Amino acid sequence: MPELLDEASVLTALAALDGWEGDFHGIRRDVEAPDFPTAIRIVDVVAVAAEDMNHHPDIDIRWRTVRFALTTHDAGGVTALDIELARNIDAIVRQHVPA
């Protein structure tokens, strides 16, 4: 089982990510896509990345707003897997949403 990160480690990791917030229990980010089809494309690419990692986010889609929430359920909080997936999500979002 992956090792839980402590609060300080999570906060340090959050500072290096794009728009993520949370604590050692879980992290989340809202993404505003330019339109609904782009939001769905982002989710599709994230789904493949998550499947490749065998680590899956909770995803909520509301028109063009996508919320990603990450926690390692079997560990009971945030692990390095969550931070790695958050970095992957950030890269995917940068490919689909203009800065």
PDB file of N, CA and C in Angstrom:
ATOM      1  N   MET A   1       0.851  -1.180   0.000  1.00  0.00           N
ATOM      2  CA  MET A   1       0.000   0.000   0.000  1.00  0.00           C
ATOM      3  C   MET A   1       0.896   1.243   0.000  1.00  0.00           C
ATOM      4  N   PRO A   2       0.536   2.273  -0.784  1.00  0.00           N
ATOM      5  CA  PRO A   2       1.332   3.501  -0.820  1.00  0.00           C
ATOM      6  C   PRO A   2       1.326   4.192   0.548  1.00  0.00           C
ATOM      7  N   GLU A   3       2.405   4.896   0.814  1.00  0.00           N
ATOM      8  CA  GLU A   3       2.563   5.591   2.085  1.00  0.00           C
ATOM      9  C   GLU A   3       1.860   6.948   2.047  1.00  0.00           C
ATOM     10  N   LEU A   4       1.134   7.260   3.117  1.00  0.00           N
ATOM     11  CA  LEU A   4       0.470   8.561   3.224  1.00  0.00           C
ATOM     12  C   LEU A   4       1.491   9.680   3.322  1.00  0.00           C
ATOM     13  N   LEU A   5       1.168  10.799   2.707  1.00  0.00           N
ATOM     14  CA  LEU A   5       1.982  12.004   2.856  1.00  0.00           C
ATOM     15  C   LEU A   5       1.486  12.782   4.066  1.00  0.00           C
ATOM     16  N   ASP A   6       2.395  13.431   4.770  1.00  0.00           N
ATOM     17  CA  ASP A   6       1.969  14.265   5.890  1.00  0.00           C
ATOM     18  C   ASP A   6       1.496  15.622   5.359  1.00  0.00           C
ATOM     19  N   GLU A   7       0.897  16.403   6.247  1.00  0.00           N
ATOM     20  CA  GLU A   7       0.311  17.695   5.849  1.00  0.00           C
ATOM     21  C   GLU A   7       1.343  18.599   5.173  1.00  0.00           C
ATOM     22  N   ALA A   8       2.536  18.695   5.726  1.00  0.00           N
ATOM     23  CA  ALA A   8       3.569  19.572   5.157  1.00  0.00           C
ATOM     24  C   ALA A   8       3.953  19.115   3.746  1.00  0.00           C
ATOM     25  N   SER A   9       4.068  17.827   3.533  1.00  0.00           N
ATOM     26  CA  SER A   9       4.413  17.305   2.207  1.00  0.00           C
ATOM     27  C   SER A   9       3.313  17.595   1.197  1.00  0.00           C
ATOM     28  N   VAL A  10       2.070  17.454   1.620  1.00  0.00           N
ATOM     29  CA  VAL A  10       0.952  17.750   0.726  1.00  0.00           C
ATOM     30  C   VAL A  10       0.935  19.234   0.370  1.00  0.00           C
ATOM     31  N   LEU A  11       1.117  20.098   1.351  1.00  0.00           N
ATOM     32  CA  LEU A  11       1.106  21.542   1.096  1.00  0.00           C
ATOM     33  C   LEU A  11       2.252  21.944   0.168  1.00  0.00           C
ATOM     34  N   THR A  12       3.414  21.350   0.344  1.00  0.00           N
ATOM     35  CA  THR A  12       4.540  21.627  -0.544  1.00  0.00           C
ATOM     36  C   THR A  12       4.213  21.193  -1.968  1.00  0.00           C
ATOM     37  N   ALA A  13       3.630  20.017  -2.114  1.00  0.00           N
ATOM     38  CA  ALA A  13       3.255  19.520  -3.441  1.00  0.00           C
ATOM     39  C   ALA A  13       2.186  20.402  -4.079  1.00  0.00           C
ATOM     40  N   LEU A  14       1.208  20.823  -3.293  1.00  0.00           N
ATOM     41  CA  LEU A  14       0.137  21.678  -3.826  1.00  0.00           C
ATOM     42  C   LEU A  14       0.694  22.983  -4.386  1.00  0.00           C
ATOM     43  N   ALA A  15       1.708  23.524  -3.732  1.00  0.00           N
ATOM     44  CA  ALA A  15       2.294  24.791  -4.183  1.00  0.00           C
ATOM     45  C   ALA A  15       2.908  24.667  -5.573  1.00  0.00           C
ATOM     46  N   ALA A  16       3.296  23.468  -5.965  1.00  0.00           N
ATOM     47  CA  ALA A  16       3.917  23.249  -7.272  1.00  0.00           C
ATOM     48  C   ALA A  16       2.915  22.818  -8.346  1.00  0.00           C
ATOM     49  N   LEU A  17       1.652  22.667  -7.980  1.00  0.00           N
ATOM     50  CA  LEU A  17       0.618  22.240  -8.917  1.00  0.00           C
ATOM     51  C   LEU A  17      -0.230  23.425  -9.353  1.00  0.00           C
ATOM     52  N   ASP A  18      -0.973  23.252 -10.435  1.00  0.00           N
ATOM     53  CA  ASP A  18      -1.807  24.324 -11.007  1.00  0.00           C
ATOM     54  C   ASP A  18      -3.221  24.311 -10.430  1.00  0.00           C
ATOM     55  N   GLY A  19      -3.489  25.168  -9.458  1.00  0.00           N
ATOM     56  CA  GLY A  19      -4.861  25.351  -8.996  1.00  0.00           C
ATOM     57  C   GLY A  19      -5.409  24.274  -8.089  1.00  0.00           C
ATOM     58  N   TRP A  20      -4.574  23.407  -7.557  1.00  0.00           N
ATOM     59  CA  TRP A  20      -5.038  22.354  -6.652  1.00  0.00           C
ATOM     60  C   TRP A  20      -5.111  22.905  -5.242  1.00  0.00           C
ATOM     61  N   GLU A  21      -6.056  22.372  -4.473  1.00  0.00           N
ATOM     62  CA  GLU A  21      -6.177  22.730  -3.056  1.00  0.00           C
ATOM     63  C   GLU A  21      -6.553  21.475  -2.288  1.00  0.00           C
ATOM     64  N   GLY A  22      -6.456  21.557  -0.977  1.00  0.00           N
ATOM     65  CA  GLY A  22      -6.835  20.428  -0.149  1.00  0.00           C
ATOM     66  C   GLY A  22      -5.900  20.252   1.018  1.00  0.00           C
ATOM     67  N   ASP A  23      -5.862  19.028   1.524  1.00  0.00           N
ATOM     68  CA  ASP A  23      -5.030  18.699   2.664  1.00  0.00           C
ATOM     69  C   ASP A  23      -4.653  17.229   2.572  1.00  0.00           C
ATOM     70  N   PHE A  24      -4.145  16.667   3.648  1.00  0.00           N
ATOM     71  CA  PHE A  24      -3.671  15.287   3.586  1.00  0.00           C
ATOM     72  C   PHE A  24      -4.793  14.268   3.412  1.00  0.00           C
ATOM     73  N   HIS A  25      -6.043  14.692   3.538  1.00  0.00           N
ATOM     74  CA  HIS A  25      -7.176  13.787   3.306  1.00  0.00           C
ATOM     75  C   HIS A  25      -7.494  13.643   1.819  1.00  0.00           C
ATOM     76  N   GLY A  26      -7.308  14.725   1.055  1.00  0.00           N
ATOM     77  CA  GLY A  26      -7.629  14.707  -0.366  1.00  0.00           C
ATOM     78  C   GLY A  26      -7.311  16.039  -1.008  1.00  0.00           C
ATOM     79  N   ILE A  27      -7.096  16.024  -2.323  1.00  0.00           N
ATOM     80  CA  ILE A  27      -6.837  17.254  -3.062  1.00  0.00           C
ATOM     81  C   ILE A  27      -7.829  17.347  -4.215  1.00  0.00           C
ATOM     82  N   ARG A  28      -8.067  18.576  -4.671  1.00  0.00           N
ATOM     83  CA  ARG A  28      -9.040  18.773  -5.742  1.00  0.00           C
ATOM     84  C   ARG A  28      -8.674  20.000  -6.580  1.00  0.00           C
ATOM     85  N   ARG A  29      -9.155  19.980  -7.792  1.00  0.00           N
ATOM     86  CA  ARG A  29      -8.959  21.096  -8.715  1.00  0.00           C
ATOM     87  C   ARG A  29     -10.170  21.212  -9.613  1.00  0.00           C
ATOM     88  N   ASP A  30     -10.615  22.440  -9.838  1.00  0.00           N
ATOM     89  CA  ASP A  30     -11.652  22.726 -10.817  1.00  0.00           C
ATOM     90  C   ASP A  30     -10.987  23.258 -12.076  1.00  0.00           C
ATOM     91  N   VAL A  31     -11.438  22.761 -13.213  1.00  0.00           N
ATOM     92  CA  VAL A  31     -10.935  23.200 -14.509  1.00  0.00           C
ATOM     93  C   VAL A  31     -12.100  23.784 -15.283  1.00  0.00           C
ATOM     94  N   GLU A  32     -11.900  24.965 -15.823  1.00  0.00           N
ATOM     95  CA  GLU A  32     -12.915  25.619 -16.652  1.00  0.00           C
ATOM     96  C   GLU A  32     -12.478  25.459 -18.109  1.00  0.00           C
ATOM     97  N   ALA A  33     -13.159  24.589 -18.839  1.00  0.00           N
ATOM     98  CA  ALA A  33     -12.858  24.375 -20.250  1.00  0.00           C
ATOM     99  C   ALA A  33     -13.567  25.442 -21.083  1.00  0.00           C
ATOM    100  N   PRO A  34     -13.101  25.670 -22.298  1.00  0.00           N
ATOM    101  CA  PRO A  34     -13.768  26.675 -23.132  1.00  0.00           C
ATOM    102  C   PRO A  34     -15.189  26.292 -23.529  1.00  0.00           C
ATOM    103  N   ASP A  35     -15.470  24.972 -23.561  1.00  0.00           N
ATOM    104  CA  ASP A  35     -16.804  24.512 -23.942  1.00  0.00           C
ATOM    105  C   ASP A  35     -16.984  23.069 -23.452  1.00  0.00           C
ATOM    106  N   PHE A  36     -18.207  22.569 -23.578  1.00  0.00           N
ATOM    107  CA  PHE A  36     -18.512  21.224 -23.090  1.00  0.00           C
ATOM    108  C   PHE A  36     -17.723  20.130 -23.809  1.00  0.00           C
ATOM    109  N   PRO A  37     -17.621  20.165 -25.150  1.00  0.00           N
ATOM    110  CA  PRO A  37     -16.847  19.110 -25.812  1.00  0.00           C
ATOM    111  C   PRO A  37     -15.381  19.060 -25.343  1.00  0.00           C
ATOM    112  N   THR A  38     -14.781  20.212 -25.084  1.00  0.00           N
ATOM    113  CA  THR A  38     -13.402  20.233 -24.586  1.00  0.00           C
ATOM    114  C   THR A  38     -13.334  19.635 -23.192  1.00  0.00           C
ATOM    115  N   ALA A  39     -14.312  19.923 -22.365  1.00  0.00           N
ATOM    116  CA  ALA A  39     -14.350  19.328 -21.020  1.00  0.00           C
ATOM    117  C   ALA A  39     -14.383  17.808 -21.122  1.00  0.00           C
ATOM    118  N   ILE A  40     -15.174  17.291 -22.025  1.00  0.00           N
ATOM    119  CA  ILE A  40     -15.272  15.842 -22.199  1.00  0.00           C
ATOM    120  C   ILE A  40     -13.961  15.272 -22.742  1.00  0.00           C
ATOM    121  N   ARG A  41     -13.314  15.984 -23.664  1.00  0.00           N
ATOM    122  CA  ARG A  41     -12.026  15.518 -24.186  1.00  0.00           C
ATOM    123  C   ARG A  41     -10.983  15.444 -23.067  1.00  0.00           C
ATOM    124  N   ILE A  42     -10.969  16.444 -22.185  1.00  0.00           N
ATOM    125  CA  ILE A  42     -10.040  16.431 -21.051  1.00  0.00           C
ATOM    126  C   ILE A  42     -10.298  15.197 -20.196  1.00  0.00           C
ATOM    127  N   VAL A  43     -11.549  14.944 -19.885  1.00  0.00           N
ATOM    128  CA  VAL A  43     -11.902  13.785 -19.060  1.00  0.00           C
ATOM    129  C   VAL A  43     -11.491  12.491 -19.757  1.00  0.00           C
ATOM    130  N   ASP A  44     -11.697  12.402 -21.067  1.00  0.00           N
ATOM    131  CA  ASP A  44     -11.309  11.200 -21.809  1.00  0.00           C
ATOM    132  C   ASP A  44      -9.808  10.931 -21.699  1.00  0.00           C
ATOM    133  N   VAL A  45      -8.996  11.969 -21.849  1.00  0.00           N
ATOM    134  CA  VAL A  45      -7.541  11.789 -21.787  1.00  0.00           C
ATOM    135  C   VAL A  45      -7.102  11.479 -20.359  1.00  0.00           C
ATOM    136  N   VAL A  46      -7.709  12.147 -19.379  1.00  0.00           N
ATOM    137  CA  VAL A  46      -7.400  11.849 -17.975  1.00  0.00           C
ATOM    138  C   VAL A  46      -7.769  10.396 -17.654  1.00  0.00           C
ATOM    139  N   ALA A  47      -8.877   9.919 -18.183  1.00  0.00           N
ATOM    140  CA  ALA A  47      -9.297   8.540 -17.922  1.00  0.00           C
ATOM    141  C   ALA A  47      -8.241   7.545 -18.394  1.00  0.00           C
ATOM    142  N   VAL A  48      -7.657   7.786 -19.543  1.00  0.00           N
ATOM    143  CA  VAL A  48      -6.618   6.887 -20.058  1.00  0.00           C
ATOM    144  C   VAL A  48      -5.376   6.961 -19.166  1.00  0.00           C
ATOM    145  N   ALA A  49      -4.961   8.169 -18.799  1.00  0.00           N
ATOM    146  CA  ALA A  49      -3.787   8.327 -17.925  1.00  0.00           C
ATOM    147  C   ALA A  49      -4.019   7.647 -16.581  1.00  0.00           C
ATOM    148  N   ALA A  50      -5.212   7.818 -16.035  1.00  0.00           N
ATOM    149  CA  ALA A  50      -5.542   7.206 -14.737  1.00  0.00           C
ATOM    150  C   ALA A  50      -5.546   5.690 -14.846  1.00  0.00           C
ATOM    151  N   GLU A  51      -6.091   5.176 -15.916  1.00  0.00           N
ATOM    152  CA  GLU A  51      -6.128   3.729 -16.107  1.00  0.00           C
ATOM    153  C   GLU A  51      -4.706   3.174 -16.234  1.00  0.00           C
ATOM    154  N   ASP A  52      -3.851   3.903 -16.948  1.00  0.00           N
ATOM    155  CA  ASP A  52      -2.454   3.479 -17.081  1.00  0.00           C
ATOM    156  C   ASP A  52      -1.754   3.417 -15.720  1.00  0.00           C
ATOM    157  N   MET A  53      -2.137   4.307 -14.807  1.00  0.00           N
ATOM    158  CA  MET A  53      -1.546   4.335 -13.465  1.00  0.00           C
ATOM    159  C   MET A  53      -2.263   3.387 -12.508  1.00  0.00           C
ATOM    160  N   ASN A  54      -3.419   2.890 -12.922  1.00  0.00           N
ATOM    161  CA  ASN A  54      -4.300   2.132 -12.024  1.00  0.00           C
ATOM    162  C   ASN A  54      -4.604   2.942 -10.759  1.00  0.00           C
ATOM    163  N   HIS A  55      -4.865   4.241 -10.992  1.00  0.00           N
ATOM    164  CA  HIS A  55      -5.183   5.159  -9.898  1.00  0.00           C
ATOM    165  C   HIS A  55      -6.207   6.146 -10.454  1.00  0.00           C
ATOM    166  N   HIS A  56      -7.417   6.146  -9.922  1.00  0.00           N
ATOM    167  CA  HIS A  56      -8.536   6.811 -10.574  1.00  0.00           C
ATOM    168  C   HIS A  56      -9.077   7.968  -9.751  1.00  0.00           C
ATOM    169  N   PRO A  57      -9.240   9.134 -10.386  1.00  0.00           N
ATOM    170  CA  PRO A  57      -9.802  10.292  -9.679  1.00  0.00           C
ATOM    171  C   PRO A  57     -11.322  10.209  -9.617  1.00  0.00           C
ATOM    172  N   ASP A  58     -11.881  10.950  -8.679  1.00  0.00           N
ATOM    173  CA  ASP A  58     -13.313  11.234  -8.726  1.00  0.00           C
ATOM    174  C   ASP A  58     -13.456  12.425  -9.668  1.00  0.00           C
ATOM    175  N   ILE A  59     -14.398  12.344 -10.585  1.00  0.00           N
ATOM    176  CA  ILE A  59     -14.580  13.387 -11.594  1.00  0.00           C
ATOM    177  C   ILE A  59     -16.036  13.812 -11.607  1.00  0.00           C
ATOM    178  N   ASP A  60     -16.248  15.125 -11.562  1.00  0.00           N
ATOM    179  CA  ASP A  60     -17.587  15.695 -11.643  1.00  0.00           C
ATOM    180  C   ASP A  60     -17.595  16.698 -12.792  1.00  0.00           C
ATOM    181  N   ILE A  61     -18.502  16.536 -13.736  1.00  0.00           N
ATOM    182  CA  ILE A  61     -18.595  17.429 -14.892  1.00  0.00           C
ATOM    183  C   ILE A  61     -19.891  18.220 -14.793  1.00  0.00           C
ATOM    184  N   ARG A  62     -19.772  19.517 -14.830  1.00  0.00           N
ATOM    185  CA  ARG A  62     -20.922  20.432 -14.848  1.00  0.00           C
ATOM    186  C   ARG A  62     -20.732  21.388 -16.014  1.00  0.00           C
ATOM    187  N   TRP A  63     -21.370  21.083 -17.108  1.00  0.00           N
ATOM    188  CA  TRP A  63     -21.268  21.811 -18.366  1.00  0.00           C
ATOM    189  C   TRP A  63     -19.815  21.889 -18.774  1.00  0.00           C
ATOM    190  N   ARG A  64     -19.119  22.996 -18.583  1.00  0.00           N
ATOM    191  CA  ARG A  64     -17.715  23.089 -18.990  1.00  0.00           C
ATOM    192  C   ARG A  64     -16.754  23.146 -17.810  1.00  0.00           C
ATOM    193  N   THR A  65     -17.276  22.931 -16.606  1.00  0.00           N
ATOM    194  CA  THR A  65     -16.442  22.885 -15.407  1.00  0.00           C
ATOM    195  C   THR A  65     -16.257  21.433 -14.998  1.00  0.00           C
ATOM    196  N   VAL A  66     -14.997  21.046 -14.837  1.00  0.00           N
ATOM    197  CA  VAL A  66     -14.656  19.690 -14.426  1.00  0.00           C
ATOM    198  C   VAL A  66     -13.937  19.772 -13.081  1.00  0.00           C
ATOM    199  N   ARG A  67     -14.421  19.006 -12.114  1.00  0.00           N
ATOM    200  CA  ARG A  67     -13.743  18.925 -10.813  1.00  0.00           C
ATOM    201  C   ARG A  67     -13.090  17.560 -10.700  1.00  0.00           C
ATOM    202  N   PHE A  68     -11.799  17.595 -10.425  1.00  0.00           N
ATOM    203  CA  PHE A  68     -11.030  16.388 -10.160  1.00  0.00           C
ATOM    204  C   PHE A  68     -10.749  16.334  -8.666  1.00  0.00           C
ATOM    205  N   ALA A  69     -10.983  15.200  -8.056  1.00  0.00           N
ATOM    206  CA  ALA A  69     -10.676  14.998  -6.638  1.00  0.00           C
ATOM    207  C   ALA A  69      -9.837  13.727  -6.523  1.00  0.00           C
ATOM    208  N   LEU A  70      -8.745  13.827  -5.766  1.00  0.00           N
ATOM    209  CA  LEU A  70      -7.816  12.715  -5.637  1.00  0.00           C
ATOM    210  C   LEU A  70      -7.573  12.366  -4.177  1.00  0.00           C
ATOM    211  N   THR A  71      -7.595  11.103  -3.899  1.00  0.00           N
ATOM    212  CA  THR A  71      -7.177  10.535  -2.622  1.00  0.00           C
ATOM    213  C   THR A  71      -6.910   9.059  -2.875  1.00  0.00           C
ATOM    214  N   THR A  72      -6.025   8.496  -2.107  1.00  0.00           N
ATOM    215  CA  THR A  72      -5.768   7.064  -2.211  1.00  0.00           C
ATOM    216  C   THR A  72      -6.642   6.392  -1.167  1.00  0.00           C
ATOM    217  N   HIS A  73      -7.796   5.896  -1.597  1.00  0.00           N
ATOM    218  CA  HIS A  73      -8.810   5.401  -0.667  1.00  0.00           C
ATOM    219  C   HIS A  73      -8.287   4.305   0.250  1.00  0.00           C
ATOM    220  N   ASP A  74      -7.559   3.340  -0.295  1.00  0.00           N
ATOM    221  CA  ASP A  74      -7.107   2.233   0.548  1.00  0.00           C
ATOM    222  C   ASP A  74      -6.022   2.649   1.542  1.00  0.00           C
ATOM    223  N   ALA A  75      -5.369   3.809   1.303  1.00  0.00           N
ATOM    224  CA  ALA A  75      -4.378   4.317   2.253  1.00  0.00           C
ATOM    225  C   ALA A  75      -5.000   5.303   3.234  1.00  0.00           C
ATOM    226  N   GLY A  76      -6.169   5.838   2.895  1.00  0.00           N
ATOM    227  CA  GLY A  76      -6.857   6.767   3.783  1.00  0.00           C
ATOM    228  C   GLY A  76      -6.434   8.218   3.666  1.00  0.00           C
ATOM    229  N   GLY A  77      -5.880   8.596   2.512  1.00  0.00           N
ATOM    230  CA  GLY A  77      -5.483   9.995   2.319  1.00  0.00           C
ATOM    231  C   GLY A  77      -4.612  10.146   1.087  1.00  0.00           C
ATOM    232  N   VAL A  78      -3.868  11.249   1.054  1.00  0.00           N
ATOM    233  CA  VAL A  78      -3.058  11.592  -0.111  1.00  0.00           C
ATOM    234  C   VAL A  78      -1.719  10.853  -0.054  1.00  0.00           C
ATOM    235  N   THR A  79      -1.370  10.262  -1.202  1.00  0.00           N
ATOM    236  CA  THR A  79      -0.077   9.597  -1.364  1.00  0.00           C
ATOM    237  C   THR A  79       0.625  10.189  -2.586  1.00  0.00           C
ATOM    238  N   ALA A  80       1.838   9.718  -2.830  1.00  0.00           N
ATOM    239  CA  ALA A  80       2.590  10.166  -4.004  1.00  0.00           C
ATOM    240  C   ALA A  80       1.839   9.866  -5.302  1.00  0.00           C
ATOM    241  N   LEU A  81       1.020   8.819  -5.324  1.00  0.00           N
ATOM    242  CA  LEU A  81       0.213   8.513  -6.514  1.00  0.00           C
ATOM    243  C   LEU A  81      -0.732   9.665  -6.856  1.00  0.00           C
ATOM    244  N   ASP A  82      -1.319  10.265  -5.830  1.00  0.00           N
ATOM    245  CA  ASP A  82      -2.239  11.385  -6.065  1.00  0.00           C
ATOM    246  C   ASP A  82      -1.499  12.586  -6.648  1.00  0.00           C
ATOM    247  N   ILE A  83      -0.314  12.855  -6.119  1.00  0.00           N
ATOM    248  CA  ILE A  83       0.466  13.991  -6.614  1.00  0.00           C
ATOM    249  C   ILE A  83       0.904  13.735  -8.050  1.00  0.00           C
ATOM    250  N   GLU A  84       1.324  12.527  -8.348  1.00  0.00           N
ATOM    251  CA  GLU A  84       1.725  12.179  -9.717  1.00  0.00           C
ATOM    252  C   GLU A  84       0.550  12.315 -10.681  1.00  0.00           C
ATOM    253  N   LEU A  85      -0.620  11.829 -10.296  1.00  0.00           N
ATOM    254  CA  LEU A  85      -1.785  11.957 -11.165  1.00  0.00           C
ATOM    255  C   LEU A  85      -2.187  13.420 -11.314  1.00  0.00           C
ATOM    256  N   ALA A  86      -2.084  14.200 -10.257  1.00  0.00           N
ATOM    257  CA  ALA A  86      -2.391  15.631 -10.351  1.00  0.00           C
ATOM    258  C   ALA A  86      -1.459  16.313 -11.361  1.00  0.00           C
ATOM    259  N   ARG A  87      -0.182  15.965 -11.338  1.00  0.00           N
ATOM    260  CA  ARG A  87       0.760  16.521 -12.327  1.00  0.00           C
ATOM    261  C   ARG A  87       0.355  16.121 -13.745  1.00  0.00           C
ATOM    262  N   ASN A  88      -0.047  14.875 -13.912  1.00  0.00           N
ATOM    263  CA  ASN A  88      -0.496  14.412 -15.229  1.00  0.00           C
ATOM    264  C   ASN A  88      -1.750  15.163 -15.674  1.00  0.00           C
ATOM    265  N   ILE A  89      -2.680  15.370 -14.758  1.00  0.00           N
ATOM    266  CA  ILE A  89      -3.901  16.118 -15.078  1.00  0.00           C
ATOM    267  C   ILE A  89      -3.537  17.547 -15.483  1.00  0.00           C
ATOM    268  N   ASP A  90      -2.614  18.163 -14.754  1.00  0.00           N
ATOM    269  CA  ASP A  90      -2.192  19.525 -15.108  1.00  0.00           C
ATOM    270  C   ASP A  90      -1.655  19.575 -16.536  1.00  0.00           C
ATOM    271  N   ALA A  91      -0.828  18.616 -16.901  1.00  0.00           N
ATOM    272  CA  ALA A  91      -0.260  18.580 -18.258  1.00  0.00           C
ATOM    273  C   ALA A  91      -1.362  18.399 -19.307  1.00  0.00           C
ATOM    274  N   ILE A  92      -2.308  17.545 -19.016  1.00  0.00           N
ATOM    275  CA  ILE A  92      -3.430  17.311 -19.944  1.00  0.00           C
ATOM    276  C   ILE A  92      -4.257  18.575 -20.104  1.00  0.00           C
ATOM    277  N   VAL A  93      -4.554  19.241 -19.009  1.00  0.00           N
ATOM    278  CA  VAL A  93      -5.348  20.478 -19.065  1.00  0.00           C
ATOM    279  C   VAL A  93      -4.605  21.531 -19.885  1.00  0.00           C
ATOM    280  N   ARG A  94      -3.291  21.665 -19.695  1.00  0.00           N
ATOM    281  CA  ARG A  94      -2.532  22.657 -20.465  1.00  0.00           C
ATOM    282  C   ARG A  94      -2.610  22.387 -21.965  1.00  0.00           C
ATOM    283  N   GLN A  95      -2.770  21.131 -22.359  1.00  0.00           N
ATOM    284  CA  GLN A  95      -2.896  20.797 -23.779  1.00  0.00           C
ATOM    285  C   GLN A  95      -4.259  21.187 -24.360  1.00  0.00           C
ATOM    286  N   HIS A  96      -5.263  21.350 -23.493  1.00  0.00           N
ATOM    287  CA  HIS A  96      -6.624  21.572 -23.985  1.00  0.00           C
ATOM    288  C   HIS A  96      -7.210  22.943 -23.647  1.00  0.00           C
ATOM    289  N   VAL A  97      -6.642  23.613 -22.662  1.00  0.00           N
ATOM    290  CA  VAL A  97      -7.206  24.905 -22.229  1.00  0.00           C
ATOM    291  C   VAL A  97      -6.146  25.983 -22.409  1.00  0.00           C
ATOM    292  N   PRO A  98      -6.453  27.010 -23.208  1.00  0.00           N
ATOM    293  CA  PRO A  98      -5.491  28.088 -23.392  1.00  0.00           C
ATOM    294  C   PRO A  98      -5.223  28.813 -22.067  1.00  0.00           C
ATOM    295  N   ALA A  99      -3.993  29.231 -21.906  1.00  0.00           N
ATOM    296  CA  ALA A  99      -3.606  29.942 -20.661  1.00  0.00           C
ATOM    297  C   ALA A  99      -4.195  31.321 -20.577  1.00  0.00           C
TER     298      ALA A  99
END
